[in-house]
PDB file of N, CA and C in Angstrom:
ATOM      1  N   MET A   1     -26.335   5.132  -2.996  1.00  0.00           N
ATOM      2  CA  MET A   1     -25.326   4.250  -2.648  1.00  0.00           C
ATOM      3  C   MET A   1     -23.997   4.477  -3.132  1.00  0.00           C
ATOM      4  N   VAL A   2     -22.963   4.701  -2.379  1.00  0.00           N
ATOM      5  CA  VAL A   2     -21.807   4.993  -3.267  1.00  0.00           C
ATOM      6  C   VAL A   2     -20.575   3.646  -3.355  1.00  0.00           C
ATOM      7  N   PHE A   3     -20.251   3.367  -4.641  1.00  0.00           N
ATOM      8  CA  PHE A   3     -19.553   1.786  -4.375  1.00  0.00           C
ATOM      9  C   PHE A   3     -18.180   2.200  -4.323  1.00  0.00           C
ATOM     10  N   LYS A   4     -17.699   1.310  -3.764  1.00  0.00           N
ATOM     11  CA  LYS A   4     -16.477   1.248  -3.445  1.00  0.00           C
ATOM     12  C   LYS A   4     -15.758  -0.071  -3.685  1.00  0.00           C
ATOM     13  N   PRO A   5     -14.900   0.391  -4.372  1.00  0.00           N
ATOM     14  CA  PRO A   5     -14.199  -0.774  -5.507  1.00  0.00           C
ATOM     15  C   PRO A   5     -13.804  -1.995  -3.953  1.00  0.00           C
ATOM     16  N   PRO A   6     -13.361  -2.729  -4.219  1.00  0.00           N
ATOM     17  CA  PRO A   6     -11.856  -3.709  -3.474  1.00  0.00           C
ATOM     18  C   PRO A   6     -10.627  -3.051  -3.369  1.00  0.00           C
ATOM     19  N   VAL A   7     -10.475  -3.456  -2.059  1.00  0.00           N
ATOM     20  CA  VAL A   7      -8.990  -2.867  -2.168  1.00  0.00           C
ATOM     21  C   VAL A   7      -7.413  -4.135  -2.570  1.00  0.00           C
ATOM     22  N   GLU A   8      -6.454  -3.831  -3.330  1.00  0.00           N
ATOM     23  CA  GLU A   8      -6.136  -4.847  -3.389  1.00  0.00           C
ATOM     24  C   GLU A   8      -4.525  -4.455  -2.727  1.00  0.00           C
ATOM     25  N   CYS A   9      -4.103  -4.921  -2.231  1.00  0.00           N
ATOM     26  CA  CYS A   9      -2.671  -5.051  -1.697  1.00  0.00           C
ATOM     27  C   CYS A   9      -1.824  -5.133  -2.567  1.00  0.00           C
ATOM     28  N   PRO A  10      -0.927  -3.788  -2.126  1.00  0.00           N
ATOM     29  CA  PRO A  10      -0.207  -3.605  -2.898  1.00  0.00           C
ATOM     30  C   PRO A  10       1.314  -4.790  -3.481  1.00  0.00           C
ATOM     31  N   ILE A  11       1.535  -5.278  -1.827  1.00  0.00           N
ATOM     32  CA  ILE A  11       2.465  -5.997  -1.818  1.00  0.00           C
ATOM     33  C   ILE A  11       2.042  -7.601  -2.669  1.00  0.00           C
ATOM     34  N   CYS A  12       1.067  -7.925  -2.383  1.00  0.00           N
ATOM     35  CA  CYS A  12       0.810  -9.175  -2.409  1.00  0.00           C
ATOM     36  C   CYS A  12       0.036  -9.754  -3.903  1.00  0.00           C
ATOM     37  N   ARG A  13      -0.840  -8.958  -4.109  1.00  0.00           N
ATOM     38  CA  ARG A  13      -2.110  -8.009  -4.998  1.00  0.00           C
ATOM     39  C   ARG A  13      -3.125  -8.798  -4.989  1.00  0.00           C
ATOM     40  N   ASP A  14      -3.668  -9.448  -3.603  1.00  0.00           N
ATOM     41  CA  ASP A  14      -4.301 -10.344  -2.943  1.00  0.00           C
ATOM     42  C   ASP A  14      -5.350  -9.059  -2.867  1.00  0.00           C
ATOM     43  N   VAL A  15      -7.182  -9.506  -2.985  1.00  0.00           N
ATOM     44  CA  VAL A  15      -7.922  -8.968  -3.423  1.00  0.00           C
ATOM     45  C   VAL A  15      -8.524  -8.780  -1.477  1.00  0.00           C
ATOM     46  N   LEU A  16      -8.424  -7.573  -1.169  1.00  0.00           N
ATOM     47  CA  LEU A  16      -9.093  -8.200   0.517  1.00  0.00           C
ATOM     48  C   LEU A  16     -10.944  -8.231   0.405  1.00  0.00           C
ATOM     49  N   GLU A  17     -11.235  -8.558   1.332  1.00  0.00           N
ATOM     50  CA  GLU A  17     -12.666  -8.958   2.169  1.00  0.00           C
ATOM     51  C   GLU A  17     -13.052  -7.369   2.082  1.00  0.00           C
ATOM     52  N   LEU A  18     -14.178  -7.193   1.771  1.00  0.00           N
ATOM     53  CA  LEU A  18     -15.016  -5.702   2.346  1.00  0.00           C
ATOM     54  C   LEU A  18     -14.632  -5.692   3.832  1.00  0.00           C
ATOM     55  N   ASP A  19     -14.393  -6.542   4.441  1.00  0.00           N
ATOM     56  CA  ASP A  19     -14.515  -6.278   5.838  1.00  0.00           C
ATOM     57  C   ASP A  19     -13.072  -5.953   6.224  1.00  0.00           C
ATOM     58  N   ARG A  20     -11.787  -5.848   5.792  1.00  0.00           N
ATOM     59  CA  ARG A  20     -10.684  -5.196   5.799  1.00  0.00           C
ATOM     60  C   ARG A  20     -10.249  -4.307   5.267  1.00  0.00           C
ATOM     61  N   THR A  21      -9.212  -3.702   6.418  1.00  0.00           N
ATOM     62  CA  THR A  21      -8.650  -3.000   6.201  1.00  0.00           C
ATOM     63  C   THR A  21      -7.324  -3.000   5.356  1.00  0.00           C
ATOM     64  N   LEU A  22      -6.803  -2.038   4.730  1.00  0.00           N
ATOM     65  CA  LEU A  22      -5.320  -2.769   4.119  1.00  0.00           C
ATOM     66  C   LEU A  22      -4.588  -2.668   5.159  1.00  0.00           C
ATOM     67  N   GLU A  23      -4.159  -1.774   5.858  1.00  0.00           N
ATOM     68  CA  GLU A  23      -3.970  -1.686   7.477  1.00  0.00           C
ATOM     69  C   GLU A  23      -3.915  -2.797   7.947  1.00  0.00           C
ATOM     70  N   ASP A  24      -5.137  -3.665   7.980  1.00  0.00           N
ATOM     71  CA  ASP A  24      -4.774  -4.884   9.076  1.00  0.00           C
ATOM     72  C   ASP A  24      -3.952  -5.756   8.109  1.00  0.00           C
ATOM     73  N   HIS A  25      -4.704  -6.067   7.067  1.00  0.00           N
ATOM     74  CA  HIS A  25      -4.126  -6.767   6.608  1.00  0.00           C
ATOM     75  C   HIS A  25      -2.638  -6.850   6.458  1.00  0.00           C
ATOM     76  N   LEU A  26      -1.945  -5.666   6.210  1.00  0.00           N
ATOM     77  CA  LEU A  26      -0.132  -5.511   6.565  1.00  0.00           C
ATOM     78  C   LEU A  26       0.304  -5.917   7.657  1.00  0.00           C
ATOM     79  N   VAL A  27      -0.272  -5.675   8.548  1.00  0.00           N
ATOM     80  CA  VAL A  27       0.459  -6.230   9.873  1.00  0.00           C
ATOM     81  C   VAL A  27      -0.182  -7.955   9.994  1.00  0.00           C
ATOM     82  N   GLU A  28      -1.116  -7.887   9.688  1.00  0.00           N
ATOM     83  CA  GLU A  28      -1.447  -9.296  10.078  1.00  0.00           C
ATOM     84  C   GLU A  28      -0.866 -10.487   9.094  1.00  0.00           C
ATOM     85  N   THR A  29      -0.659 -10.109   7.622  1.00  0.00           N
ATOM     86  CA  THR A  29      -0.128 -10.875   6.808  1.00  0.00           C
ATOM     87  C   THR A  29       1.287 -10.610   6.265  1.00  0.00           C
ATOM     88  N   HIS A  30       1.893  -9.607   6.194  1.00  0.00           N
ATOM     89  CA  HIS A  30       3.324  -9.037   6.228  1.00  0.00           C
ATOM     90  C   HIS A  30       4.252  -8.879   6.783  1.00  0.00           C
ATOM     91  N   THR A  31       5.625  -9.054   6.915  1.00  0.00           N
ATOM     92  CA  THR A  31       6.479  -9.172   7.873  1.00  0.00           C
ATOM     93  C   THR A  31       7.413  -7.167   7.632  1.00  0.00           C
ATOM     94  N   HIS A  32       7.898  -6.757   8.635  1.00  0.00           N
ATOM     95  CA  HIS A  32       7.964  -5.605   8.428  1.00  0.00           C
ATOM     96  C   HIS A  32       9.447  -5.003   7.209  1.00  0.00           C
ATOM     97  N   ILE A  33       9.741  -5.697   7.298  1.00  0.00           N
ATOM     98  CA  ILE A  33      11.139  -6.068   6.335  1.00  0.00           C
ATOM     99  C   ILE A  33      10.191  -6.044   4.584  1.00  0.00           C
ATOM    100  N   GLU A  34       9.204  -7.191   4.248  1.00  0.00           N
ATOM    101  CA  GLU A  34       8.326  -6.668   3.401  1.00  0.00           C
ATOM    102  C   GLU A  34       7.075  -5.014   2.898  1.00  0.00           C
ATOM    103  N   VAL A  35       7.026  -5.036   3.956  1.00  0.00           N
ATOM    104  CA  VAL A  35       6.473  -3.514   3.855  1.00  0.00           C
ATOM    105  C   VAL A  35       7.625  -2.415   3.787  1.00  0.00           C
ATOM    106  N   ALA A  36       8.408  -2.640   4.693  1.00  0.00           N
ATOM    107  CA  ALA A  36       9.926  -1.376   4.478  1.00  0.00           C
ATOM    108  C   ALA A  36      10.221  -1.527   3.123  1.00  0.00           C
ATOM    109  N   ARG A  37      10.214  -2.814   2.170  1.00  0.00           N
ATOM    110  CA  ARG A  37      11.035  -2.888   1.300  1.00  0.00           C
ATOM    111  C   ARG A  37       9.998  -2.337  -0.138  1.00  0.00           C
ATOM    112  N   TYR A  38       8.518  -2.548  -0.168  1.00  0.00           N
ATOM    113  CA  TYR A  38       7.358  -1.763  -0.845  1.00  0.00           C
ATOM    114  C   TYR A  38       7.958  -0.784  -0.715  1.00  0.00           C
ATOM    115  N   VAL A  39       7.379   0.500   0.909  1.00  0.00           N
ATOM    116  CA  VAL A  39       7.988   1.533   0.874  1.00  0.00           C
ATOM    117  C   VAL A  39       8.928   2.220   0.181  1.00  0.00           C
ATOM    118  N   THR A  40      10.212   1.741   0.058  1.00  0.00           N
ATOM    119  CA  THR A  40      11.369   2.111   0.142  1.00  0.00           C
ATOM    120  C   THR A  40      11.479   2.217  -1.622  1.00  0.00           C
ATOM    121  N   SER A  41      10.439   0.892  -2.076  1.00  0.00           N
ATOM    122  CA  SER A  41      10.625   0.881  -3.840  1.00  0.00           C
ATOM    123  C   SER A  41       9.901   2.030  -4.439  1.00  0.00           C
ATOM    124  N   ARG A  42       9.264   1.865  -3.356  1.00  0.00           N
ATOM    125  CA  ARG A  42       7.856   3.116  -4.136  1.00  0.00           C
ATOM    126  C   ARG A  42       8.509   4.658  -3.991  1.00  0.00           C
ATOM    127  N   SER A  43       9.206   4.582  -3.166  1.00  0.00           N
ATOM    128  CA  SER A  43       9.818   6.210  -2.688  1.00  0.00           C
ATOM    129  C   SER A  43      10.624   6.706  -4.257  1.00  0.00           C
ATOM    130  N   ASP A  44      11.870   5.565  -4.333  1.00  0.00           N
ATOM    131  CA  ASP A  44      12.600   5.933  -5.415  1.00  0.00           C
ATOM    132  C   ASP A  44      12.276   5.776  -6.706  1.00  0.00           C
ATOM    133  N   GLN A  45      10.885   5.108  -7.191  1.00  0.00           N
ATOM    134  CA  GLN A  45      10.237   6.007  -8.032  1.00  0.00           C
ATOM    135  C   GLN A  45       9.707   6.722  -8.458  1.00  0.00           C
ATOM    136  N   VAL A  46       9.466   7.574  -7.134  1.00  0.00           N
ATOM    137  CA  VAL A  46       9.225   9.139  -7.213  1.00  0.00           C
ATOM    138  C   VAL A  46      10.003  10.325  -8.003  1.00  0.00           C
ATOM    139  N   GLU A  47      10.195  11.315  -8.356  1.00  0.00           N
ATOM    140  CA  GLU A  47      11.534  12.144  -8.679  1.00  0.00           C
ATOM    141  C   GLU A  47      11.267  13.495  -8.341  1.00  0.00           C
ATOM    142  N   VAL A  48      11.944  13.398  -7.133  1.00  0.00           N
ATOM    143  CA  VAL A  48      11.562  14.594  -6.709  1.00  0.00           C
ATOM    144  C   VAL A  48      12.031  16.186  -7.033  1.00  0.00           C
ATOM    145  N   GLN A  49      10.663  16.932  -7.154  1.00  0.00           N
ATOM    146  CA  GLN A  49      11.167  18.695  -7.766  1.00  0.00           C
ATOM    147  C   GLN A  49      11.178  19.376  -6.776  1.00  0.00           C
ATOM    148  N   PRO A  50      12.073  20.412  -7.106  1.00  0.00           N
ATOM    149  CA  PRO A  50      12.371  21.415  -6.199  1.00  0.00           C
ATOM    150  C   PRO A  50      11.535  22.159  -5.937  1.00  0.00           C
ATOM    151  N   ILE A  51      10.916  22.994  -5.210  1.00  0.00           N
ATOM    152  CA  ILE A  51       9.579  23.739  -5.266  1.00  0.00           C
ATOM    153  C   ILE A  51      10.501  24.769  -5.121  1.00  0.00           C
ATOM    154  N   PRO A  52       9.213  25.464  -6.176  1.00  0.00           N
ATOM    155  CA  PRO A  52       9.778  26.870  -6.744  1.00  0.00           C
ATOM    156  C   PRO A  52       9.510  28.059  -5.758  1.00  0.00           C
ATOM    157  N   ASP A  53      10.387  29.136  -5.929  1.00  0.00           N
ATOM    158  CA  ASP A  53      10.609  30.125  -4.390  1.00  0.00           C
ATOM    159  C   ASP A  53       9.561  31.331  -4.965  1.00  0.00           C
TER     160      ASP A  53
END
């Protein structure tokens, strides 16, 4: 049997119940602006590398 660690919400750091998905948690718990701010903060941290020819 494969062990799956519990999922933690990257916004509020709540550990989700085993029967909940991150998607359901984000939709039910967080506003669109909270999710958008998190996504944009993550994309600002990613360094874009050019693709070699």
